[in-house]
C-alpha atoms as a PDB file:
ATOM      1  CA  MET A   1     207.085  24.224  38.092  1.00  0.00           C
ATOM      2  CA  SER A   2     210.129  25.041  35.701  1.00  0.00           C
ATOM      3  CA  GLY A   3     212.510  23.821  38.526  1.00  0.00           C
ATOM      4  CA  THR A   4     211.414  20.755  38.123  1.00  0.00           C
ATOM      5  CA  LYS A   5     210.718  19.858  34.670  1.00  0.00           C
ATOM      6  CA  ARG A   6     213.531  17.583  34.250  1.00  0.00           C
ATOM      7  CA  GLN A   7     213.895  15.738  37.218  1.00  0.00           C
ATOM      8  CA  THR A   8     214.162  12.274  37.146  1.00  0.00           C
ATOM      9  CA  VAL A   9     211.728  10.316  38.868  1.00  0.00           C
ATOM     10  CA  VAL A  10     210.749   6.847  40.268  1.00  0.00           C
ATOM     11  CA  VAL A  11     207.242   5.761  41.279  1.00  0.00           C
ATOM     12  CA  THR A  12     206.528   2.666  41.615  1.00  0.00           C
ATOM     13  CA  GLY A  13     203.388   0.387  41.122  1.00  0.00           C
ATOM     14  CA  THR A  14     202.299   2.521  38.015  1.00  0.00           C
ATOM     15  CA  SER A  15     200.288  -0.275  36.231  1.00  0.00           C
ATOM     16  CA  ALA A  16     197.350   1.699  37.501  1.00  0.00           C
ATOM     17  CA  GLY A  17     195.650   2.972  40.364  1.00  0.00           C
ATOM     18  CA  ILE A  18     197.579   6.545  42.293  1.00  0.00           C
ATOM     19  CA  GLY A  19     200.786   5.079  40.906  1.00  0.00           C
ATOM     20  CA  ARG A  20     200.229   5.797  37.195  1.00  0.00           C
ATOM     21  CA  ALA A  21     198.217   8.825  38.022  1.00  0.00           C
ATOM     22  CA  THR A  22     200.891   9.906  39.471  1.00  0.00           C
ATOM     23  CA  ALA A  23     203.842   9.210  36.756  1.00  0.00           C
ATOM     24  CA  ARG A  24     201.418  11.143  34.487  1.00  0.00           C
ATOM     25  CA  MET A  25     201.550  13.789  36.411  1.00  0.00           C
ATOM     26  CA  PHE A  26     205.270  14.081  36.475  1.00  0.00           C
ATOM     27  CA  GLY A  27     205.401  13.521  32.869  1.00  0.00           C
ATOM     28  CA  ALA A  28     203.108  16.331  32.454  1.00  0.00           C
ATOM     29  CA  ARG A  29     205.992  18.677  34.064  1.00  0.00           C
ATOM     30  CA  GLY A  30     208.394  17.086  31.513  1.00  0.00           C
ATOM     31  CA  ALA A  31     209.901  14.896  33.961  1.00  0.00           C
ATOM     32  CA  ARG A  32     211.954  11.878  33.073  1.00  0.00           C
ATOM     33  CA  VAL A  33     210.120   9.085  34.410  1.00  0.00           C
ATOM     34  CA  ALA A  34     210.688   5.250  35.384  1.00  0.00           C
ATOM     35  CA  LEU A  35     207.842   3.685  36.035  1.00  0.00           C
ATOM     36  CA  LEU A  36     208.268  -0.053  37.929  1.00  0.00           C
ATOM     37  CA  ALA A  37     205.573  -2.455  37.969  1.00  0.00           C
ATOM     38  CA  ARG A  38     205.339  -6.162  37.668  1.00  0.00           C
ATOM     39  CA  GLY A  39     202.586  -6.525  34.553  1.00  0.00           C
ATOM     40  CA  ARG A  40     204.022  -5.853  31.230  1.00  0.00           C
ATOM     41  CA  THR A  41     200.768  -4.495  29.661  1.00  0.00           C
ATOM     42  CA  GLY A  42     199.764  -2.147  32.592  1.00  0.00           C
ATOM     43  CA  LEU A  43     203.148  -0.707  32.789  1.00  0.00           C
ATOM     44  CA  ASP A  44     203.506  -0.316  29.100  1.00  0.00           C
ATOM     45  CA  ALA A  45     199.969   1.404  28.673  1.00  0.00           C
ATOM     46  CA  ALA A  46     200.697   3.712  31.797  1.00  0.00           C
ATOM     47  CA  ALA A  47     204.914   4.633  30.093  1.00  0.00           C
ATOM     48  CA  ALA A  48     202.513   5.178  26.853  1.00  0.00           C
ATOM     49  CA  ASP A  49     200.078   7.648  29.597  1.00  0.00           C
ATOM     50  CA  VAL A  50     203.945   9.850  30.070  1.00  0.00           C
ATOM     51  CA  GLN A  51     204.901   9.822  26.716  1.00  0.00           C
ATOM     52  CA  ASP A  52     201.790  11.598  25.604  1.00  0.00           C
ATOM     53  CA  ALA A  53     201.579  13.981  28.740  1.00  0.00           C
ATOM     54  CA  GLY A  54     205.212  15.154  27.561  1.00  0.00           C
ATOM     55  CA  GLY A  55     207.910  13.570  29.562  1.00  0.00           C
ATOM     56  CA  GLN A  56     209.961  10.363  29.069  1.00  0.00           C
ATOM     57  CA  ALA A  57     209.079   7.394  30.703  1.00  0.00           C
ATOM     58  CA  LEU A  58     211.292   4.194  31.095  1.00  0.00           C
ATOM     59  CA  PRO A  59     209.297   1.629  32.072  1.00  0.00           C
ATOM     60  CA  ILE A  60     210.851  -1.459  34.117  1.00  0.00           C
ATOM     61  CA  VAL A  61     209.638  -5.050  34.953  1.00  0.00           C
ATOM     62  CA  ALA A  62     210.532  -5.136  38.434  1.00  0.00           C
ATOM     63  CA  ASP A  63     208.807  -7.016  41.973  1.00  0.00           C
ATOM     64  CA  MET A  64     209.504  -5.050  44.523  1.00  0.00           C
ATOM     65  CA  ALA A  65     209.687  -8.140  46.820  1.00  0.00           C
ATOM     66  CA  GLU A  66     212.792  -8.424  45.374  1.00  0.00           C
ATOM     67  CA  PRO A  67     215.636  -7.053  46.499  1.00  0.00           C
ATOM     68  CA  ASP A  68     217.824  -7.877  43.490  1.00  0.00           C
ATOM     69  CA  GLN A  69     215.462  -6.439  41.257  1.00  0.00           C
ATOM     70  CA  VAL A  70     215.096  -3.379  42.847  1.00  0.00           C
ATOM     71  CA  GLU A  71     218.930  -2.587  42.785  1.00  0.00           C
ATOM     72  CA  GLU A  72     218.585  -3.643  39.116  1.00  0.00           C
ATOM     73  CA  ALA A  73     216.186  -0.993  38.324  1.00  0.00           C
ATOM     74  CA  ALA A  74     217.260   1.378  40.280  1.00  0.00           C
ATOM     75  CA  ARG A  75     221.127   0.978  38.309  1.00  0.00           C
ATOM     76  CA  ARG A  76     219.032   1.173  35.196  1.00  0.00           C
ATOM     77  CA  VAL A  77     217.395   4.431  36.029  1.00  0.00           C
ATOM     78  CA  GLU A  78     220.363   6.038  36.556  1.00  0.00           C
ATOM     79  CA  GLU A  79     222.469   4.624  33.967  1.00  0.00           C
ATOM     80  CA  GLU A  80     219.392   5.244  31.410  1.00  0.00           C
ATOM     81  CA  LEU A  81     217.668   8.759  32.912  1.00  0.00           C
ATOM     82  CA  GLY A  82     220.408  10.442  34.900  1.00  0.00           C
ATOM     83  CA  PRO A  83     220.480  10.457  38.940  1.00  0.00           C
ATOM     84  CA  ILE A  84     217.157  10.330  40.611  1.00  0.00           C
ATOM     85  CA  ASP A  85     215.680  13.033  41.790  1.00  0.00           C
ATOM     86  CA  VAL A  86     212.634  11.361  43.629  1.00  0.00           C
ATOM     87  CA  TRP A  87     211.496   7.941  44.455  1.00  0.00           C
ATOM     88  CA  VAL A  88     208.266   7.819  45.109  1.00  0.00           C
ATOM     89  CA  ASN A  89     207.116   3.874  46.674  1.00  0.00           C
ATOM     90  CA  ASN A  90     203.459   3.406  46.359  1.00  0.00           C
ATOM     91  CA  ALA A  91     203.650  -0.252  45.167  1.00  0.00           C
ATOM     92  CA  PHE A  92     201.200  -2.899  47.209  1.00  0.00           C
ATOM     93  CA  THR A  93     199.214  -6.246  47.138  1.00  0.00           C
ATOM     94  CA  ALA A  94     196.494  -7.253  49.720  1.00  0.00           C
ATOM     95  CA  ALA A  95     194.057  -9.674  50.486  1.00  0.00           C
ATOM     96  CA  PHE A  96     190.551  -8.810  51.930  1.00  0.00           C
ATOM     97  CA  GLY A  97     188.751 -11.010  54.771  1.00  0.00           C
ATOM     98  CA  THR A  98     189.023 -11.342  58.585  1.00  0.00           C
ATOM     99  CA  PHE A  99     192.635 -12.168  60.029  1.00  0.00           C
ATOM    100  CA  MET A 100     191.532 -16.190  60.238  1.00  0.00           C
ATOM    101  CA  ASP A 101     190.478 -15.925  56.753  1.00  0.00           C
ATOM    102  CA  VAL A 102     193.905 -14.724  55.088  1.00  0.00           C
ATOM    103  CA  SER A 103     196.374 -17.763  54.846  1.00  0.00           C
ATOM    104  CA  PRO A 104     200.031 -17.342  56.431  1.00  0.00           C
ATOM    105  CA  GLU A 105     201.334 -17.617  52.940  1.00  0.00           C
ATOM    106  CA  GLU A 106     198.873 -14.689  51.598  1.00  0.00           C
ATOM    107  CA  PHE A 107     199.585 -12.661  54.700  1.00  0.00           C
ATOM    108  CA  LEU A 108     203.512 -12.747  54.457  1.00  0.00           C
ATOM    109  CA  GLN A 109     202.927 -12.258  50.373  1.00  0.00           C
ATOM    110  CA  ALA A 110     200.947  -9.238  50.763  1.00  0.00           C
ATOM    111  CA  THR A 111     203.680  -8.229  53.512  1.00  0.00           C
ATOM    112  CA  ARG A 112     206.601  -8.776  51.472  1.00  0.00           C
ATOM    113  CA  SER A 113     205.443  -6.685  48.667  1.00  0.00           C
ATOM    114  CA  THR A 114     204.114  -3.846  50.291  1.00  0.00           C
ATOM    115  CA  TYR A 115     205.927  -3.482  53.534  1.00  0.00           C
ATOM    116  CA  LEU A 116     208.752  -5.491  52.030  1.00  0.00           C
ATOM    117  CA  GLY A 117     208.620  -3.577  48.886  1.00  0.00           C
ATOM    118  CA  TYR A 118     208.657   0.227  50.439  1.00  0.00           C
ATOM    119  CA  VAL A 119     211.868  -0.840  52.576  1.00  0.00           C
ATOM    120  CA  ASN A 120     213.767  -1.979  49.366  1.00  0.00           C
ATOM    121  CA  GLY A 121     213.013   0.719  47.514  1.00  0.00           C
ATOM    122  CA  SER A 122     214.203   3.298  50.023  1.00  0.00           C
ATOM    123  CA  ARG A 123     216.932   1.299  50.694  1.00  0.00           C
ATOM    124  CA  ALA A 124     217.623   1.976  46.585  1.00  0.00           C
ATOM    125  CA  ALA A 125     216.874   5.197  46.304  1.00  0.00           C
ATOM    126  CA  LEU A 126     218.865   6.087  49.670  1.00  0.00           C
ATOM    127  CA  ALA A 127     222.098   4.370  48.553  1.00  0.00           C
ATOM    128  CA  ARG A 128     222.126   6.231  45.107  1.00  0.00           C
ATOM    129  CA  MET A 129     220.773  10.038  47.496  1.00  0.00           C
ATOM    130  CA  LEU A 130     222.778  10.276  50.345  1.00  0.00           C
ATOM    131  CA  PRO A 131     226.399  10.049  48.257  1.00  0.00           C
ATOM    132  CA  ARG A 132     225.081  13.442  46.511  1.00  0.00           C
ATOM    133  CA  ASP A 133     223.444  14.411  49.721  1.00  0.00           C
ATOM    134  CA  ARG A 134     220.250  15.267  48.079  1.00  0.00           C
ATOM    135  CA  GLY A 135     216.966  13.386  47.315  1.00  0.00           C
ATOM    136  CA  THR A 136     213.454  13.388  48.135  1.00  0.00           C
ATOM    137  CA  ILE A 137     211.291   9.709  48.815  1.00  0.00           C
ATOM    138  CA  VAL A 138     207.810  10.161  48.733  1.00  0.00           C
ATOM    139  CA  GLN A 139     206.126   7.155  51.160  1.00  0.00           C
ATOM    140  CA  VAL A 140     202.205   6.663  49.645  1.00  0.00           C
ATOM    141  CA  GLY A 141     200.865   5.994  52.637  1.00  0.00           C
ATOM    142  CA  SER A 142     196.948   5.163  53.836  1.00  0.00           C
ATOM    143  CA  ALA A 143     194.730   6.562  56.642  1.00  0.00           C
ATOM    144  CA  LEU A 144     195.446   2.690  58.205  1.00  0.00           C
ATOM    145  CA  ALA A 145     199.021   3.998  58.328  1.00  0.00           C
ATOM    146  CA  TYR A 146     197.388   4.956  62.018  1.00  0.00           C
ATOM    147  CA  ARG A 147     194.372   3.315  62.423  1.00  0.00           C
ATOM    148  CA  GLY A 148     193.552  -0.159  61.558  1.00  0.00           C
ATOM    149  CA  VAL A 149     190.364  -1.497  59.857  1.00  0.00           C
ATOM    150  CA  PRO A 150     188.212  -4.787  60.003  1.00  0.00           C
ATOM    151  CA  LEU A 151     188.725  -7.198  56.651  1.00  0.00           C
ATOM    152  CA  GLN A 152     192.620  -5.388  55.636  1.00  0.00           C
ATOM    153  CA  SER A 153     194.420  -6.855  59.005  1.00  0.00           C
ATOM    154  CA  ALA A 154     197.308  -7.126  56.310  1.00  0.00           C
ATOM    155  CA  TYR A 155     196.985  -4.036  54.568  1.00  0.00           C
ATOM    156  CA  SER A 156     196.941  -2.181  57.880  1.00  0.00           C
ATOM    157  CA  GLY A 157     199.773  -4.153  59.535  1.00  0.00           C
ATOM    158  CA  ALA A 158     201.943  -3.303  56.517  1.00  0.00           C
ATOM    159  CA  LYS A 159     200.623   0.480  56.114  1.00  0.00           C
ATOM    160  CA  HIS A 160     201.502   0.700  60.011  1.00  0.00           C
ATOM    161  CA  ALA A 161     205.235  -0.867  59.497  1.00  0.00           C
ATOM    162  CA  ILE A 162     205.657   1.164  57.012  1.00  0.00           C
ATOM    163  CA  GLN A 163     205.162   4.641  58.998  1.00  0.00           C
ATOM    164  CA  GLY A 164     207.150   3.248  62.031  1.00  0.00           C
ATOM    165  CA  PHE A 165     210.125   2.704  59.560  1.00  0.00           C
ATOM    166  CA  THR A 166     209.569   6.375  57.974  1.00  0.00           C
ATOM    167  CA  GLU A 167     209.882   7.776  61.094  1.00  0.00           C
ATOM    168  CA  SER A 168     212.548   5.501  62.032  1.00  0.00           C
ATOM    169  CA  VAL A 169     215.000   6.419  59.130  1.00  0.00           C
ATOM    170  CA  ARG A 170     213.739   9.661  59.091  1.00  0.00           C
ATOM    171  CA  CYS A 171     215.456  10.375  62.648  1.00  0.00           C
ATOM    172  CA  GLU A 172     218.809   8.664  61.047  1.00  0.00           C
ATOM    173  CA  LEU A 173     218.439  11.243  58.278  1.00  0.00           C
ATOM    174  CA  LEU A 174     218.496  14.090  60.648  1.00  0.00           C
ATOM    175  CA  HIS A 175     221.129  12.797  63.176  1.00  0.00           C
ATOM    176  CA  GLU A 176     223.611  12.726  60.139  1.00  0.00           C
ATOM    177  CA  LYS A 177     222.176  16.032  58.911  1.00  0.00           C
ATOM    178  CA  SER A 178     221.588  14.700  55.873  1.00  0.00           C
ATOM    179  CA  GLY A 179     220.023  16.630  52.267  1.00  0.00           C
ATOM    180  CA  VAL A 180     218.032  13.662  51.261  1.00  0.00           C
ATOM    181  CA  ARG A 181     214.442  14.087  52.592  1.00  0.00           C
ATOM    182  CA  VAL A 182     211.919  11.518  53.435  1.00  0.00           C
ATOM    183  CA  THR A 183     208.010  12.446  53.889  1.00  0.00           C
ATOM    184  CA  MET A 184     204.632  10.213  53.747  1.00  0.00           C
ATOM    185  CA  VAL A 185     201.420  11.232  52.450  1.00  0.00           C
ATOM    186  CA  GLN A 186     198.174   9.303  53.821  1.00  0.00           C
ATOM    187  CA  MET A 187     195.689   8.587  51.520  1.00  0.00           C
ATOM    188  CA  PRO A 188     191.882   8.560  52.029  1.00  0.00           C
ATOM    189  CA  ALA A 189     189.702   5.936  50.031  1.00  0.00           C
ATOM    190  CA  VAL A 190     190.571   5.744  46.449  1.00  0.00           C
ATOM    191  CA  ASN A 191     189.207   4.667  43.146  1.00  0.00           C
ATOM    192  CA  THR A 192     191.576   2.419  41.956  1.00  0.00           C
ATOM    193  CA  PRO A 193     191.236  -1.133  40.056  1.00  0.00           C
ATOM    194  CA  GLN A 194     192.533  -3.009  43.548  1.00  0.00           C
ATOM    195  CA  PHE A 195     189.163  -3.647  44.193  1.00  0.00           C
ATOM    196  CA  THR A 196     188.550  -5.970  40.753  1.00  0.00           C
ATOM    197  CA  TRP A 197     191.414  -7.317  41.010  1.00  0.00           C
ATOM    198  CA  LEU A 198     192.631  -8.077  44.784  1.00  0.00           C
ATOM    199  CA  ARG A 199     192.818 -11.359  46.735  1.00  0.00           C
ATOM    200  CA  THR A 200     189.407 -11.604  48.674  1.00  0.00           C
ATOM    201  CA  HIS A 201     187.625 -13.973  51.215  1.00  0.00           C
ATOM    202  CA  LEU A 202     184.824 -11.701  51.098  1.00  0.00           C
ATOM    203  CA  PRO A 203     181.308 -12.689  50.010  1.00  0.00           C
ATOM    204  CA  ARG A 204     180.581  -9.650  47.797  1.00  0.00           C
ATOM    205  CA  HIS A 205     182.621  -7.580  45.917  1.00  0.00           C
ATOM    206  CA  ALA A 206     185.256  -5.248  47.923  1.00  0.00           C
ATOM    207  CA  GLN A 207     184.551  -1.412  48.022  1.00  0.00           C
ATOM    208  CA  PRO A 208     186.699   1.147  49.720  1.00  0.00           C
ATOM    209  CA  VAL A 209     184.896   3.115  52.389  1.00  0.00           C
ATOM    210  CA  PRO A 210     183.225   6.554  51.037  1.00  0.00           C
ATOM    211  CA  PRO A 211     183.881   8.739  50.537  1.00  0.00           C
ATOM    212  CA  ILE A 212     185.917   7.794  47.666  1.00  0.00           C
ATOM    213  CA  TYR A 213     188.439   9.877  45.807  1.00  0.00           C
ATOM    214  CA  GLN A 214     189.835   9.655  42.200  1.00  0.00           C
ATOM    215  CA  PRO A 215     193.259   8.713  41.848  1.00  0.00           C
ATOM    216  CA  GLU A 216     194.346  12.234  40.296  1.00  0.00           C
ATOM    217  CA  VAL A 217     194.008  13.938  43.949  1.00  0.00           C
ATOM    218  CA  ALA A 218     196.364  11.262  45.418  1.00  0.00           C
ATOM    219  CA  ALA A 219     198.756  12.223  42.565  1.00  0.00           C
ATOM    220  CA  ARG A 220     198.423  15.695  42.997  1.00  0.00           C
ATOM    221  CA  ALA A 221     199.351  15.574  46.708  1.00  0.00           C
ATOM    222  CA  VAL A 222     201.997  13.250  45.986  1.00  0.00           C
ATOM    223  CA  LEU A 223     203.259  15.806  43.480  1.00  0.00           C
ATOM    224  CA  ARG A 224     203.169  18.495  46.165  1.00  0.00           C
ATOM    225  CA  ALA A 225     204.841  15.985  48.920  1.00  0.00           C
ATOM    226  CA  ALA A 226     207.787  15.423  46.330  1.00  0.00           C
ATOM    227  CA  ASP A 227     208.054  19.950  46.401  1.00  0.00           C
ATOM    228  CA  HIS A 228     207.904  20.067  49.664  1.00  0.00           C
ATOM    229  CA  PRO A 229     209.127  17.254  51.388  1.00  0.00           C
ATOM    230  CA  GLN A 230     210.236  19.341  54.540  1.00  0.00           C
ATOM    231  CA  ARG A 231     206.808  18.622  55.972  1.00  0.00           C
ATOM    232  CA  ARG A 232     207.289  15.056  57.997  1.00  0.00           C
ATOM    233  CA  GLU A 233     203.642  14.242  55.990  1.00  0.00           C
ATOM    234  CA  TYR A 234     200.624  15.233  54.564  1.00  0.00           C
ATOM    235  CA  TRP A 235     197.117  13.836  54.917  1.00  0.00           C
ATOM    236  CA  VAL A 236     194.509  13.949  51.942  1.00  0.00           C
ATOM    237  CA  GLY A 237     190.776  14.196  52.067  1.00  0.00           C
ATOM    238  CA  ALA A 238     188.363  15.396  55.059  1.00  0.00           C
ATOM    239  CA  SER A 239     187.801  11.353  56.003  1.00  0.00           C
ATOM    240  CA  THR A 240     191.783  10.924  56.690  1.00  0.00           C
ATOM    241  CA  VAL A 241     191.307  13.781  59.094  1.00  0.00           C
ATOM    242  CA  ALA A 242     188.468  12.544  60.637  1.00  0.00           C
ATOM    243  CA  THR A 243     189.647   9.035  61.121  1.00  0.00           C
ATOM    244  CA  LEU A 244     192.975   9.976  62.454  1.00  0.00           C
ATOM    245  CA  LEU A 245     191.903  12.684  64.955  1.00  0.00           C
ATOM    246  CA  ALA A 246     188.882   9.955  66.593  1.00  0.00           C
ATOM    247  CA  ASN A 247     191.442   7.620  66.666  1.00  0.00           C
ATOM    248  CA  ALA A 248     194.135  10.089  68.537  1.00  0.00           C
ATOM    249  CA  VAL A 249     191.669  10.592  70.792  1.00  0.00           C
ATOM    250  CA  VAL A 250     188.985   8.248  70.818  1.00  0.00           C
ATOM    251  CA  PRO A 251     190.387   4.886  69.530  1.00  0.00           C
ATOM    252  CA  GLY A 252     188.167   2.848  71.891  1.00  0.00           C
ATOM    253  CA  LEU A 253     184.723   4.104  70.259  1.00  0.00           C
ATOM    254  CA  LEU A 254     186.648   4.469  66.605  1.00  0.00           C
ATOM    255  CA  ASP A 255     187.280   0.235  67.081  1.00  0.00           C
ATOM    256  CA  ARG A 256     183.468  -0.331  68.366  1.00  0.00           C
ATOM    257  CA  TYR A 257     182.143   1.839  65.629  1.00  0.00           C
ATOM    258  CA  LEU A 258     184.058   0.023  63.072  1.00  0.00           C
ATOM    259  CA  ALA A 259     183.726  -3.483  64.325  1.00  0.00           C
ATOM    260  CA  ARG A 260     179.723  -2.674  63.936  1.00  0.00           C
ATOM    261  CA  GLY A 261     180.329  -0.903  60.688  1.00  0.00           C
ATOM    262  CA  GLY A 262     183.171  -1.749  58.922  1.00  0.00           C
ATOM    263  CA  PHE A 263     182.259  -4.847  57.508  1.00  0.00           C
ATOM    264  CA  GLU A 264     179.414  -3.247  55.514  1.00  0.00           C
ATOM    265  CA  ALA A 265     181.102  -0.284  54.594  1.00  0.00           C
ATOM    266  CA  GLN A 266     183.457  -2.315  52.604  1.00  0.00           C
ATOM    267  CA  GLN A 267     181.139  -4.543  50.328  1.00  0.00           C
ATOM    268  CA  THR A 268     178.831  -3.875  47.975  1.00  0.00           C
ATOM    269  CA  ASP A 269     176.194  -6.193  45.769  1.00  0.00           C
ATOM    270  CA  ALA A 270     177.121  -3.369  42.841  1.00  0.00           C
ATOM    271  CA  PHE A 271     179.700  -5.975  41.032  1.00  0.00           C
ATOM    272  CA  PRO A 272     179.726  -9.157  40.807  1.00  0.00           C
ATOM    273  CA  PRO A 273     181.751 -11.125  43.710  1.00  0.00           C
ATOM    274  CA  THR A 274     185.848 -11.167  42.550  1.00  0.00           C
ATOM    275  CA  THR A 275     187.186 -15.230  42.635  1.00  0.00           C
ATOM    276  CA  GLY A 276     190.656 -16.469  42.662  1.00  0.00           C
ATOM    277  CA  HIS A 277     194.065 -14.997  43.910  1.00  0.00           C
ATOM    278  CA  GLY A 278     193.958 -11.600  42.116  1.00  0.00           C
ATOM    279  CA  ASN A 279     197.002  -9.882  41.729  1.00  0.00           C
ATOM    280  CA  LEU A 280     198.533 -10.937  45.497  1.00  0.00           C
ATOM    281  CA  PHE A 281     201.057 -13.287  43.692  1.00  0.00           C
ATOM    282  CA  GLU A 282     201.290 -12.479  40.597  1.00  0.00           C
ATOM    283  CA  PRO A 283     200.006  -9.530  38.422  1.00  0.00           C
ATOM    284  CA  ALA A 284     196.617  -9.216  37.315  1.00  0.00           C
ATOM    285  CA  ASP A 285     197.986  -6.841  34.187  1.00  0.00           C
ATOM    286  CA  GLU A 286     200.393  -9.016  32.518  1.00  0.00           C
ATOM    287  CA  LYS A 287     198.039  -9.520  29.780  1.00  0.00           C
ATOM    288  CA  GLU A 288     195.437  -6.652  30.024  1.00  0.00           C
ATOM    289  CA  ASP A 289     195.507  -2.664  30.848  1.00  0.00           C
ATOM    290  CA  TYR A 290     192.984  -2.025  33.526  1.00  0.00           C
ATOM    291  CA  GLY A 291     193.439   1.689  33.456  1.00  0.00           C
ATOM    292  CA  THR A 292     193.798   4.689  35.711  1.00  0.00           C
ATOM    293  CA  HIS A 293     190.612   3.885  37.440  1.00  0.00           C
ATOM    294  CA  GLY A 294     188.608   1.373  39.611  1.00  0.00           C
ATOM    295  CA  VAL A 295     184.792   0.894  38.805  1.00  0.00           C
ATOM    296  CA  PHE A 296     183.776   3.580  41.372  1.00  0.00           C
ATOM    297  CA  ASP A 297     183.933   6.928  38.757  1.00  0.00           C
ATOM    298  CA  ASP A 298     180.696   7.664  39.890  1.00  0.00           C
ATOM    299  CA  ARG A 299     180.866   7.909  43.249  1.00  0.00           C
ATOM    300  CA  ALA A 300     184.238   9.070  43.485  1.00  0.00           C
ATOM    301  CA  HIS A 301     185.461  12.481  44.301  1.00  0.00           C
ATOM    302  CA  ALA A 302     187.824  14.606  41.568  1.00  0.00           C
ATOM    303  CA  SER A 303     188.743  17.059  44.191  1.00  0.00           C
ATOM    304  CA  SER A 304     188.952  17.362  47.540  1.00  0.00           C
ATOM    305  CA  PRO A 305     188.840  20.415  49.429  1.00  0.00           C
ATOM    306  CA  GLN A 306     191.420  19.446  52.236  1.00  0.00           C
ATOM    307  CA  LEU A 307     194.962  18.849  51.530  1.00  0.00           C
ATOM    308  CA  TRP A 308     195.835  18.471  55.392  1.00  0.00           C
ATOM    309  CA  ALA A 309     199.395  18.827  55.541  1.00  0.00           C
ATOM    310  CA  SER A 310     201.118  18.286  59.246  1.00  0.00           C
ATOM    311  CA  ARG A 311     204.595  18.701  60.248  1.00  0.00           C
ATOM    312  CA  HIS A 312     204.035  16.873  63.806  1.00  0.00           C
ATOM    313  CA  HIS A 313     202.311  13.650  64.941  1.00  0.00           C
ATOM    314  CA  VAL A 314     198.582  12.912  65.484  1.00  0.00           C
ATOM    315  CA  GLY A 315     198.968  13.407  68.714  1.00  0.00           C
ATOM    316  CA  GLN A 316     200.766  16.782  68.579  1.00  0.00           C
ATOM    317  CA  ALA A 317     197.935  17.748  65.860  1.00  0.00           C
ATOM    318  CA  VAL A 318     194.900  16.995  68.154  1.00  0.00           C
ATOM    319  CA  ALA A 319     195.875  19.596  71.158  1.00  0.00           C
ATOM    320  CA  ALA A 320     191.883  19.180  72.480  1.00  0.00           C
ATOM    321  CA  ALA A 321     189.382  16.936  73.458  1.00  0.00           C
ATOM    322  CA  GLY A 322     187.147  18.805  70.889  1.00  0.00           C
ATOM    323  CA  PHE A 323     189.000  17.739  67.855  1.00  0.00           C
ATOM    324  CA  ALA A 324     188.067  14.207  68.497  1.00  0.00           C
ATOM    325  CA  GLY A 325     184.582  14.793  68.695  1.00  0.00           C
ATOM    326  CA  ALA A 326     184.344  16.944  65.739  1.00  0.00           C
ATOM    327  CA  GLY A 327     186.540  13.701  64.327  1.00  0.00           C
ATOM    328  CA  TYR A 328     184.053  11.173  65.661  1.00  0.00           C
ATOM    329  CA  ALA A 329     180.793  13.156  64.173  1.00  0.00           C
ATOM    330  CA  VAL A 330     182.615  13.418  61.013  1.00  0.00           C
ATOM    331  CA  LEU A 331     183.914   9.622  60.486  1.00  0.00           C
ATOM    332  CA  ARG A 332     179.610   8.901  61.620  1.00  0.00           C
ATOM    333  CA  ARG A 333     178.551  11.073  59.081  1.00  0.00           C
ATOM    334  CA  TYR A 334     181.059   8.593  56.617  1.00  0.00           C
ATOM    335  CA  LEU A 335     180.125   5.166  57.754  1.00  0.00           C
ATOM    336  CA  GLY A 336     176.675   5.900  58.755  1.00  0.00           C
ATOM    337  CA  SER A 337     174.977   5.735  62.158  1.00  0.00           C
END
């Protein structure tokens, strides 16, 4: 889009997955893109992607859990690239396993990096956008922002927290009649390297619950949200829509359904089990570039026929019980009966 070619954009968590695909797409528009991540090797590779696509890249090593590092990164961006137009919060870490298997230290780290990382990023962005009365913050969310699933209590909790935090800040901006916009994109299962490098207590290799989408599908939704931030939320993928609709009206049924099928659906025998701390306490890509995609290319969809956008809460979107039945039926299809 001609009006966005010289935007200054910050994308966090850019060394792989959604963040990396998003940074590259902004680069293809000719944007000035600041890339924030902890691991130098993956970060530099992502910066090369942006430059190859036609953009200007500024890679910055920063831990989003550390507010001083985030603030310093934002200062550098504006000094070297110019005023920030779009800030995309995407960085996270996670620990897979039952709640009682995840240690307090692991839970705390996942919460700091994911939830407080979004808080720190939003604060740094707003500190610069509010005086100018313009700018957009895009929060990369998940269906898990509304619907917790077994084996992902830390991640589900963080995404729920981000959802509540974003709603609170949005209301404050509306109260002040601010020109700054905050929007959120709720994602489906995405084929990213996280399932290979995450911290896990599972006996088998972790996998996203099918259907799985490629990171580029998610990235296109992020760019759409950045272009049209007046919409409070975007839902990506039929599985996200089905899950959120069912959860809005028949949450008890969904509890029982996930209790029965959610454990098996998040594990696979196709790859060896992962070991160690993964990227929870330190970056997994400090010395190795994992690329944009995970190991599920043969199963991941490169497009989504349903990028469903809503201006309202889930409860307002489902005015009739028929939606719940449809959502539950679709969910059965994806998780298996």
